[in-house]
Amino acid sequence: MTFTGAPGSTRLWVVDDDRTVRFVLAEALRDAGYAVSAFEDPRQALAALADGELPDLVFTDVRMPGMDGLAFLDALKAKRPELPVVVMSAYTDIASTAGAFRGGAHEFLSKPFDLDEAVALAARALPAAESASALPAPEMGDALVGETPAMRELFRAIGRLAQAPLNVLITGETGTGKELVARALHRESPRARKPFVALNTAAIPAELLESELFGHEAGAFTGAQKRHVGRFEQADGGTLFLDEIGDMPASLQTRLLRVLAEGEFFRVGGRELIKVDVRVVAATHQDLEAKVRDGSFRADLLHRLDVVRLRLPPLRERKGDVPALAARFLAQAANKFGAPAKRFHPEALKRLERHDWPGNVRELENLCWRLVALAPGETITLRELGSALRSEGTTSAADDWTRGLAQAAREALARGDTGLHAALRERFDQVLLETALEHTDGHRQLAAEKLGLGRNTVTRKLGATRRRKSP
């Protein structure tokens, strides 16, 4: 069947037990010029297919009574493998997203969705059907959690890439979960039954890293009493995850490049050519392009590693995921310790969402585990949370004063105050000067040097402050 993608000549199906969603989406697609049939039950759609109706594109919900959307997707693909299907769901965890891609879905559309987005997706999906470009992706489990747009996009990317035999570069700050993504890519790939081997290149001394990667023969160097099989051999047929690849010494980058290009290497001190079939997933928190420019990272190696790039957002960019992540970590910790389940008081949860999370998801996980072990009750209060944050130094003084400033500004704006900038600047100068003078035991010249101001400026500002305080 030819898929032209031209509105008016294509037939679209909308399958959803929600009458409102079914009606609104069908009308939006009709307004765009498509011929649309709507079905409440996927079994009705399969009956229409058996009667000879041939859609060019199908939108289907996941959770429906009688027959769910994934089973419907399987039935459609069994009869029409080339048919593009868009799976819709309000449940956008990685398992449901990847389950849809596993069945051959062309795209996953998160509810609630923008109607313009759905219409644009239809226009994109129809031309793509000719090439059958959708990549299946098996169930990914629940290692990654997220409902924010950034995470939904990441889930879709993982679903598509899982079966693609491509090297992947994962970028993101420390603690964002780069290894979790690498494990998901492996677990859902055809290599899943083969080893997943991880190595943090920054954690291995440079003089030992070559042996760790490629192995060595007995007697290759002092202390090498027997043959050692390196990580590339261990990962043969599977996936090798190289974390903090930006810290790899320049001397080893050439060897790594050869393995990526040729799939073969020699052990240290060896003469036997070792051939391996390994998918490499690398990760870094550094700017590799900048390292290429300063000469500390090879451009050709970056091109080999960066066939596809995935960026993990820091937790401060996806604070909407904090409640779900916190609940997950509390449950995991309680199960591990054999302790009663705990939950955050609503005020404590709001405090978590305001925190900037410099340590990202790892910081939140450590905090939850610590609170399960130490908090006395089943409800974690704001006081207990604040104490835990301070005890770990996760709330810096800089964070405290800037948040205080923001709160003062919000309150002043809510009161309708004017001249806010001048008032807060004066207060800032006052606090800073008094603190500097306290630190220098009242020595104005030394305080001025500490602040980077002239002594006359300090004297003038102090005078202005005293005048404002005078009755």
Protein backbone atom coordinates (compact mmCIF):
# COMPACT_ATOMS: atom_id res chain seq x y z
CA MET A 1 0.00 0.00 0.00
CA THR A 2 1.29 3.48 -0.84
CA PHE A 3 1.36 6.09 1.91
CA THR A 4 1.23 9.51 0.36
CA GLY A 5 0.81 11.52 3.56
CA ALA A 6 -1.35 14.09 1.76
CA PRO A 7 -4.36 15.33 3.77
CA GLY A 8 -7.64 14.24 2.23
CA SER A 9 -6.19 11.12 0.61
CA THR A 10 -5.27 9.37 3.84
CA ARG A 11 -7.42 7.49 6.31
CA LEU A 12 -6.78 7.78 10.03
CA TRP A 13 -8.22 5.77 12.90
CA VAL A 14 -8.66 7.02 16.46
CA VAL A 15 -9.19 4.25 19.03
CA ASP A 16 -9.92 5.38 22.58
CA ASP A 17 -12.56 4.46 25.17
CA ASP A 18 -12.60 8.07 26.41
CA ARG A 19 -15.42 9.67 24.41
CA THR A 20 -14.08 13.21 24.85
CA VAL A 21 -10.56 12.39 23.70
CA ARG A 22 -11.91 10.33 20.81
CA PHE A 23 -14.21 13.11 19.62
CA VAL A 24 -11.80 16.04 20.05
CA LEU A 25 -8.83 14.31 18.39
CA ALA A 26 -10.93 12.99 15.52
CA GLU A 27 -12.36 16.48 14.86
CA ALA A 28 -8.90 18.07 14.93
CA LEU A 29 -7.63 15.53 12.40
CA ARG A 30 -10.70 16.03 10.20
CA ASP A 31 -10.16 19.81 10.33
CA ALA A 32 -6.64 19.14 9.04
CA GLY A 33 -8.16 17.40 6.01
CA TYR A 34 -7.85 13.74 6.96
CA ALA A 35 -10.58 11.11 6.65
CA VAL A 36 -11.06 9.81 10.20
CA SER A 37 -12.86 6.82 11.70
CA ALA A 38 -13.24 6.68 15.49
CA PHE A 39 -13.63 3.50 17.57
CA GLU A 40 -14.50 3.08 21.23
CA ASP A 41 -13.20 -0.50 21.39
CA PRO A 42 -10.09 -1.81 19.63
CA ARG A 43 -11.97 -5.00 18.78
CA GLN A 44 -14.32 -2.89 16.63
CA ALA A 45 -11.28 -1.56 14.77
CA LEU A 46 -9.92 -5.08 14.21
CA ALA A 47 -13.32 -6.13 12.86
CA ALA A 48 -13.23 -3.19 10.42
CA LEU A 49 -9.74 -4.25 9.37
CA ALA A 50 -11.01 -7.79 8.75
CA ASP A 51 -13.79 -6.32 6.61
CA GLY A 52 -11.24 -4.72 4.34
CA GLU A 53 -10.92 -1.20 5.72
CA LEU A 54 -7.30 -0.10 5.41
CA PRO A 55 -6.13 2.85 7.54
CA ASP A 56 -2.93 4.73 6.76
CA LEU A 57 -2.30 5.70 10.39
CA VAL A 58 -3.77 4.68 13.75
CA PHE A 59 -3.93 6.60 17.05
CA THR A 60 -4.66 4.27 19.97
CA ASP A 61 -4.93 4.63 23.74
CA VAL A 62 -3.11 2.14 25.98
CA ARG A 63 -5.48 1.43 28.85
CA MET A 64 -8.88 0.34 27.56
CA PRO A 65 -11.34 -2.26 28.86
CA GLY A 66 -11.56 -5.57 27.06
CA MET A 67 -8.37 -5.19 25.03
CA ASP A 68 -5.56 -2.83 25.89
CA GLY A 69 -3.72 -0.72 23.38
CA LEU A 70 -0.51 -2.75 23.39
CA ALA A 71 -2.40 -5.96 22.61
CA PHE A 72 -4.24 -4.04 19.90
CA LEU A 73 -0.89 -2.82 18.57
CA ASP A 74 0.39 -6.41 18.41
CA ALA A 75 -2.73 -7.50 16.52
CA LEU A 76 -2.40 -4.62 14.06
CA LYS A 77 1.28 -5.32 13.42
CA ALA A 78 0.57 -9.03 12.89
CA LYS A 79 -1.78 -8.12 10.03
CA ARG A 80 -0.14 -4.90 8.77
CA PRO A 81 3.54 -4.69 9.84
CA GLU A 82 4.11 -1.49 7.86
CA LEU A 83 1.17 0.39 9.45
CA PRO A 84 2.34 3.39 11.53
CA VAL A 85 0.70 3.48 14.96
CA VAL A 86 0.79 6.33 17.50
CA VAL A 87 0.26 5.11 21.04
CA MET A 88 -1.37 7.54 23.49
CA SER A 89 -1.32 7.29 27.27
CA ALA A 90 -1.51 9.38 30.42
CA TYR A 91 0.92 6.89 31.98
CA THR A 92 4.26 7.95 30.55
CA ASP A 93 6.75 5.95 32.58
CA ILE A 94 9.59 4.29 30.76
CA ALA A 95 7.93 0.87 30.87
CA SER A 96 4.79 1.90 29.03
CA THR A 97 6.74 4.07 26.59
CA ALA A 98 9.20 1.33 25.74
CA GLY A 99 6.46 -1.28 25.66
CA ALA A 100 4.83 0.71 22.89
CA PHE A 101 8.05 0.90 20.89
CA ARG A 102 8.64 -2.79 21.47
CA GLY A 103 5.41 -3.50 19.66
CA GLY A 104 6.47 -1.35 16.74
CA ALA A 105 4.79 1.95 17.57
CA HIS A 106 5.90 4.85 15.41
CA GLU A 107 5.53 7.40 18.23
CA PHE A 108 4.33 7.75 21.82
CA LEU A 109 2.00 10.67 22.59
CA SER A 110 1.66 11.67 26.24
CA LYS A 111 -1.74 12.73 27.55
CA PRO A 112 -2.83 15.44 27.91
CA PHE A 113 -1.48 16.52 24.55
CA ASP A 114 -1.76 19.60 22.41
CA LEU A 115 -4.04 19.02 19.41
CA ASP A 116 -1.68 20.90 17.11
CA GLU A 117 1.09 18.57 18.24
CA ALA A 118 -1.04 15.53 17.42
CA VAL A 119 -1.89 16.85 13.95
CA ALA A 120 1.76 17.66 13.26
CA LEU A 121 2.72 14.18 14.44
CA ALA A 122 0.28 12.67 11.95
CA ALA A 123 1.88 14.65 9.13
CA ARG A 124 5.33 13.41 10.18
CA ALA A 125 4.27 9.81 10.69
CA LEU A 126 2.64 9.24 7.32
CA PRO A 127 5.68 9.88 5.11
CA ALA A 128 7.82 7.91 7.51
CA ALA A 129 5.69 4.82 7.08
CA GLU A 130 7.22 4.00 3.71
CA SER A 131 10.60 3.40 5.26
CA ALA A 132 9.19 1.47 8.26
CA SER A 133 11.57 3.48 10.39
CA ALA A 134 10.12 2.72 13.81
CA LEU A 135 12.51 0.77 16.00
CA PRO A 136 11.05 -1.77 18.42
CA ALA A 137 12.12 -1.55 22.04
CA PRO A 138 11.42 -4.15 24.73
CA GLU A 139 10.17 -3.44 28.23
CA MET A 140 12.58 -1.22 30.12
CA GLY A 141 11.50 -1.81 33.67
CA ASP A 142 11.24 1.00 36.19
CA ALA A 143 14.84 2.03 36.82
CA LEU A 144 14.19 5.52 35.44
CA VAL A 145 11.37 7.72 36.70
CA GLY A 146 10.01 10.87 35.12
CA GLU A 147 6.88 12.60 33.89
CA THR A 148 8.38 15.91 32.80
CA PRO A 149 8.70 16.70 29.08
CA ALA A 150 12.47 16.28 29.16
CA MET A 151 12.21 12.77 30.59
CA ARG A 152 9.39 11.78 28.24
CA GLU A 153 11.60 12.72 25.32
CA LEU A 154 14.47 10.74 26.84
CA PHE A 155 12.24 7.67 27.20
CA ARG A 156 11.22 7.91 23.57
CA ALA A 157 14.87 8.18 22.52
CA ILE A 158 15.85 5.14 24.59
CA GLY A 159 12.97 3.16 23.11
CA ARG A 160 14.12 3.92 19.59
CA LEU A 161 17.83 3.43 20.20
CA ALA A 162 17.62 0.22 22.17
CA GLN A 163 17.88 -2.04 19.14
CA ALA A 164 20.00 0.24 16.97
CA PRO A 165 23.63 -1.00 16.81
CA LEU A 166 25.01 2.48 17.35
CA ASN A 167 27.51 3.91 19.81
CA VAL A 168 25.87 6.40 22.17
CA LEU A 169 27.33 9.34 24.09
CA ILE A 170 25.40 10.28 27.24
CA THR A 171 26.01 13.75 28.61
CA GLY A 172 24.84 15.22 31.88
CA GLU A 173 25.97 16.43 35.26
CA THR A 174 27.26 14.06 37.91
CA GLY A 175 24.44 12.22 39.64
CA THR A 176 21.85 12.48 36.86
CA GLY A 177 21.73 8.72 36.22
CA LYS A 178 23.87 8.21 33.13
CA GLU A 179 24.63 4.59 33.99
CA LEU A 180 20.91 3.87 34.41
CA VAL A 181 20.35 5.03 30.84
CA ALA A 182 23.25 2.91 29.60
CA ARG A 183 21.83 -0.14 31.38
CA ALA A 184 18.39 0.52 29.89
CA LEU A 185 19.87 0.71 26.39
CA HIS A 186 21.59 -2.63 26.96
CA ARG A 187 18.72 -4.37 28.72
CA GLU A 188 16.28 -3.58 25.93
CA SER A 189 18.66 -4.41 23.08
CA PRO A 190 19.33 -7.68 21.24
CA ARG A 191 22.52 -7.82 23.33
CA ALA A 192 20.57 -8.14 26.59
CA ARG A 193 21.61 -11.77 27.14
CA LYS A 194 25.26 -10.82 26.82
CA PRO A 195 27.31 -8.94 29.44
CA PHE A 196 26.91 -5.33 30.44
CA VAL A 197 30.31 -4.16 31.65
CA ALA A 198 30.88 -0.76 33.25
CA LEU A 199 34.14 1.09 33.83
CA ASN A 200 34.66 4.55 35.29
CA THR A 201 37.77 5.71 33.48
CA ALA A 202 38.34 8.49 36.01
CA ALA A 203 38.48 5.99 38.90
CA ILE A 204 41.35 3.92 37.46
CA PRO A 205 44.94 5.22 37.64
CA ALA A 206 46.22 6.07 34.18
CA GLU A 207 48.99 3.49 34.35
CA LEU A 208 46.44 0.70 35.02
CA LEU A 209 43.66 1.81 32.70
CA GLU A 210 45.15 0.23 29.57
CA SER A 211 45.28 -3.15 31.27
CA GLU A 212 41.74 -2.75 32.59
CA LEU A 213 40.42 -2.02 29.11
CA PHE A 214 42.42 -4.42 26.99
CA GLY A 215 43.82 -6.98 29.46
CA HIS A 216 47.40 -8.17 29.75
CA GLU A 217 49.47 -11.30 29.42
CA ALA A 218 51.39 -12.87 32.27
CA GLY A 219 54.74 -11.15 32.68
CA ALA A 220 53.68 -8.09 30.67
CA PHE A 221 54.85 -5.86 33.53
CA THR A 222 55.99 -6.13 37.14
CA GLY A 223 53.24 -7.78 39.17
CA ALA A 224 51.46 -9.30 36.14
CA GLN A 225 51.68 -12.89 37.34
CA LYS A 226 48.86 -14.24 35.21
CA ARG A 227 46.77 -13.32 32.19
CA HIS A 228 44.09 -10.72 32.79
CA VAL A 229 41.03 -10.43 30.55
CA GLY A 230 40.14 -6.78 29.99
CA ARG A 231 36.75 -5.09 29.91
CA PHE A 232 36.45 -5.24 26.13
CA GLU A 233 36.79 -9.03 26.13
CA GLN A 234 34.44 -9.31 29.10
CA ALA A 235 31.82 -7.33 27.18
CA ASP A 236 32.13 -9.29 23.91
CA GLY A 237 28.69 -9.55 22.33
CA GLY A 238 27.29 -7.08 24.84
CA THR A 239 27.71 -3.48 25.93
CA LEU A 240 30.69 -1.65 27.44
CA PHE A 241 29.82 1.47 29.41
CA LEU A 242 32.73 3.90 29.70
CA ASP A 243 31.85 6.51 32.28
CA GLU A 244 33.70 9.83 32.49
CA ILE A 245 35.24 9.26 29.08
CA GLY A 246 36.49 12.85 29.09
CA ASP A 247 39.11 11.86 31.66
CA MET A 248 40.69 9.19 29.48
CA PRO A 249 44.43 9.84 29.04
CA ALA A 250 45.46 10.97 25.57
CA SER A 251 47.82 7.99 25.30
CA LEU A 252 44.87 5.58 25.44
CA GLN A 253 42.54 7.47 23.17
CA THR A 254 44.36 6.21 20.07
CA ARG A 255 44.01 2.59 21.19
CA LEU A 256 40.33 3.07 21.95
CA LEU A 257 39.81 4.64 18.55
CA ARG A 258 41.34 1.61 16.84
CA VAL A 259 39.07 -0.80 18.72
CA LEU A 260 36.01 1.25 17.80
CA ALA A 261 37.08 1.36 14.16
CA GLU A 262 38.41 -2.18 13.71
CA GLY A 263 36.88 -4.22 16.53
CA GLU A 264 40.25 -5.72 17.39
CA PHE A 265 43.22 -5.15 19.72
CA PHE A 266 46.19 -6.78 21.46
CA ARG A 267 46.39 -7.39 25.17
CA VAL A 268 49.20 -5.55 26.91
CA GLY A 269 52.32 -7.63 26.27
CA GLY A 270 50.40 -9.94 23.91
CA ARG A 271 50.84 -10.96 20.29
CA GLU A 272 47.44 -12.54 19.68
CA LEU A 273 44.96 -10.28 17.89
CA ILE A 274 41.71 -10.24 19.85
CA LYS A 275 38.49 -9.56 17.94
CA VAL A 276 35.38 -8.40 19.77
CA ASP A 277 31.83 -7.28 18.99
CA VAL A 278 31.02 -4.62 21.56
CA ARG A 279 28.57 -1.74 21.61
CA VAL A 280 30.17 1.19 23.42
CA VAL A 281 28.06 3.60 25.43
CA ALA A 282 30.16 6.44 26.81
CA ALA A 283 29.25 9.15 29.29
CA THR A 284 30.69 12.42 30.49
CA HIS A 285 29.83 15.53 32.47
CA GLN A 286 32.45 17.53 30.57
CA ASP A 287 32.30 19.60 27.39
CA LEU A 288 34.10 17.28 24.98
CA GLU A 289 34.00 19.81 22.17
CA ALA A 290 35.95 22.21 24.40
CA LYS A 291 38.43 19.45 25.18
CA VAL A 292 38.86 18.83 21.47
CA ARG A 293 39.60 22.52 20.97
CA ASP A 294 42.23 22.57 23.72
CA GLY A 295 43.82 19.39 22.37
CA SER A 296 43.09 17.09 25.32
CA PHE A 297 40.55 14.93 23.47
CA ARG A 298 40.77 13.52 19.97
CA ALA A 299 38.21 14.84 17.51
CA ASP A 300 38.09 11.54 15.61
CA LEU A 301 37.42 9.65 18.84
CA LEU A 302 34.59 12.01 19.70
CA HIS A 303 33.06 11.37 16.27
CA ARG A 304 33.26 7.60 16.84
CA LEU A 305 31.65 7.83 20.27
CA ASP A 306 29.09 10.50 19.45
CA VAL A 307 27.08 8.66 16.80
CA VAL A 308 23.98 9.45 18.86
CA ARG A 309 23.95 11.80 21.83
CA LEU A 310 21.54 11.70 24.77
CA ARG A 311 21.46 14.55 27.27
CA LEU A 312 20.24 13.87 30.80
CA PRO A 313 18.70 16.98 32.35
CA PRO A 314 19.81 17.95 35.85
CA LEU A 315 17.19 17.51 38.55
CA ARG A 316 16.75 21.28 38.90
CA GLU A 317 15.37 21.26 35.33
CA ARG A 318 12.84 18.54 36.13
CA LYS A 319 11.67 19.36 39.63
CA GLY A 320 8.22 18.08 38.74
CA ASP A 321 9.74 14.58 39.00
CA VAL A 322 10.97 15.10 42.58
CA PRO A 323 7.81 13.76 44.34
CA ALA A 324 7.77 10.53 42.30
CA LEU A 325 11.51 10.02 42.71
CA ALA A 326 11.31 10.68 46.44
CA ALA A 327 8.46 8.19 46.87
CA ARG A 328 10.44 5.58 44.92
CA PHE A 329 13.59 6.06 46.99
CA LEU A 330 11.71 6.01 50.30
CA ALA A 331 10.04 2.73 49.31
CA GLN A 332 13.33 1.18 48.20
CA ALA A 333 15.07 2.18 51.41
CA ALA A 334 12.23 0.93 53.62
CA ASN A 335 12.25 -2.39 51.80
CA LYS A 336 16.04 -2.67 52.16
CA PHE A 337 16.04 -1.86 55.87
CA GLY A 338 12.87 -3.83 56.65
CA ALA A 339 11.45 -0.59 58.02
CA PRO A 340 7.90 0.79 57.88
CA ALA A 341 7.10 2.78 54.77
CA LYS A 342 7.68 6.51 55.16
CA ARG A 343 6.32 9.54 53.36
CA PHE A 344 7.07 13.25 53.27
CA HIS A 345 4.75 15.75 54.90
CA PRO A 346 3.31 18.04 52.19
CA GLU A 347 5.36 20.99 53.50
CA ALA A 348 8.51 18.90 53.43
CA LEU A 349 7.72 17.83 49.89
CA LYS A 350 7.35 21.48 48.86
CA ARG A 351 10.77 22.14 50.40
CA LEU A 352 12.24 19.32 48.34
CA GLU A 353 10.84 20.85 45.17
CA ARG A 354 12.40 24.23 46.01
CA HIS A 355 15.86 22.76 46.56
CA ASP A 356 18.34 23.22 43.70
CA TRP A 357 19.79 19.67 43.95
CA PRO A 358 23.43 20.30 43.06
CA GLY A 359 24.01 16.57 43.50
CA ASN A 360 21.05 15.74 41.24
CA VAL A 361 19.12 12.47 41.55
CA ARG A 362 21.94 10.83 43.52
CA GLU A 363 21.65 13.53 46.19
CA LEU A 364 17.90 12.98 46.49
CA GLU A 365 18.37 9.22 46.72
CA ASN A 366 21.00 9.51 49.46
CA LEU A 367 18.80 11.94 51.38
CA CYS A 368 15.80 9.57 51.26
CA TRP A 369 17.81 6.60 52.41
CA ARG A 370 19.27 8.62 55.28
CA LEU A 371 15.84 9.83 56.37
CA VAL A 372 14.37 6.32 56.35
CA ALA A 373 17.19 5.25 58.65
CA LEU A 374 17.06 8.25 61.00
CA ALA A 375 13.60 9.86 60.97
CA PRO A 376 11.59 8.54 63.97
CA GLY A 377 8.07 8.64 62.55
CA GLU A 378 6.40 7.44 59.38
CA THR A 379 5.87 11.03 58.21
CA ILE A 380 9.03 13.03 57.54
CA THR A 381 8.45 16.58 58.73
CA LEU A 382 9.87 19.84 57.45
CA ARG A 383 12.08 20.08 60.54
CA GLU A 384 13.56 16.61 60.01
CA LEU A 385 14.11 17.32 56.34
CA GLY A 386 15.78 20.67 57.01
CA SER A 387 18.08 19.09 59.56
CA ALA A 388 19.06 16.35 57.12
CA LEU A 389 19.77 18.83 54.34
CA ARG A 390 21.95 20.98 56.60
CA SER A 391 23.80 18.01 58.08
CA GLU A 392 24.95 16.94 54.65
CA GLY A 393 25.88 20.42 53.56
CA THR A 394 23.50 20.13 50.64
CA THR A 395 22.17 23.63 51.29
CA SER A 396 24.99 26.13 50.84
CA ALA A 397 25.08 29.60 52.39
CA ALA A 398 24.90 31.01 48.87
CA ASP A 399 21.71 29.03 48.23
CA ASP A 400 20.22 30.26 51.53
CA TRP A 401 20.71 33.98 50.96
CA THR A 402 19.60 33.93 47.34
CA ARG A 403 16.46 32.02 48.26
CA GLY A 404 15.88 34.50 51.10
CA LEU A 405 16.29 37.36 48.66
CA ALA A 406 13.82 35.76 46.27
CA GLN A 407 11.31 35.27 49.08
CA ALA A 408 11.69 38.89 50.23
CA ALA A 409 11.13 40.07 46.67
CA ARG A 410 8.03 37.90 46.30
CA GLU A 411 6.53 39.24 49.54
CA ALA A 412 7.27 42.86 48.60
CA LEU A 413 5.75 42.43 45.16
CA ALA A 414 2.69 40.78 46.68
CA ARG A 415 2.26 43.82 48.98
CA GLY A 416 2.46 46.11 45.97
CA ASP A 417 5.70 47.78 47.13
CA THR A 418 7.55 50.02 44.67
CA GLY A 419 11.20 51.02 44.47
CA LEU A 420 12.06 47.42 45.26
CA HIS A 421 15.49 47.39 43.64
CA ALA A 422 16.79 50.36 45.62
CA ALA A 423 15.36 49.10 48.91
CA LEU A 424 16.84 45.62 48.60
CA ARG A 425 20.17 46.98 47.38
CA GLU A 426 20.41 49.22 50.44
CA ARG A 427 19.64 46.27 52.70
CA PHE A 428 22.25 44.17 50.88
CA ASP A 429 24.90 46.88 51.37
CA GLN A 430 24.01 47.21 55.04
CA VAL A 431 24.29 43.49 55.78
CA LEU A 432 27.49 43.10 53.78
CA LEU A 433 29.22 46.07 55.43
CA GLU A 434 28.22 45.08 58.96
CA THR A 435 29.39 41.51 58.39
CA ALA A 436 32.73 42.64 56.98
CA LEU A 437 33.30 45.03 59.90
CA GLU A 438 32.42 42.27 62.35
CA HIS A 439 34.98 40.01 60.62
CA THR A 440 37.70 42.72 60.86
CA ASP A 441 36.83 43.82 64.41
CA GLY A 442 35.65 47.21 63.17
CA HIS A 443 38.74 47.96 61.05
CA ARG A 444 37.30 49.95 58.14
CA GLN A 445 40.36 49.89 55.89
CA LEU A 446 40.68 46.10 56.18
CA ALA A 447 36.94 45.66 55.66
CA ALA A 448 37.15 47.81 52.53
CA GLU A 449 39.99 45.63 51.18
CA LYS A 450 38.01 42.47 51.87
CA LEU A 451 35.01 43.86 50.01
CA GLY A 452 37.04 45.32 47.15
CA LEU A 453 35.84 48.85 47.95
CA GLY A 454 37.60 52.08 48.80
CA ARG A 455 37.73 53.17 52.45
CA ASN A 456 35.82 56.36 51.62
CA THR A 457 33.08 54.29 49.96
CA VAL A 458 32.72 52.16 53.09
CA THR A 459 32.58 55.30 55.28
CA ARG A 460 29.96 56.88 53.02
CA LYS A 461 27.77 53.77 52.96
CA LEU A 462 28.01 53.40 56.72
CA GLY A 463 26.97 57.00 57.15
CA ALA A 464 23.96 56.48 54.90
CA THR A 465 23.02 53.37 56.86
CA ARG A 466 23.19 55.22 60.21
CA ARG A 467 21.09 58.07 58.85
CA ARG A 468 18.39 55.65 57.78
CA LYS A 469 18.41 54.09 61.26
CA SER A 470 18.20 57.45 63.04
CA PRO A 471 14.71 58.38 64.35
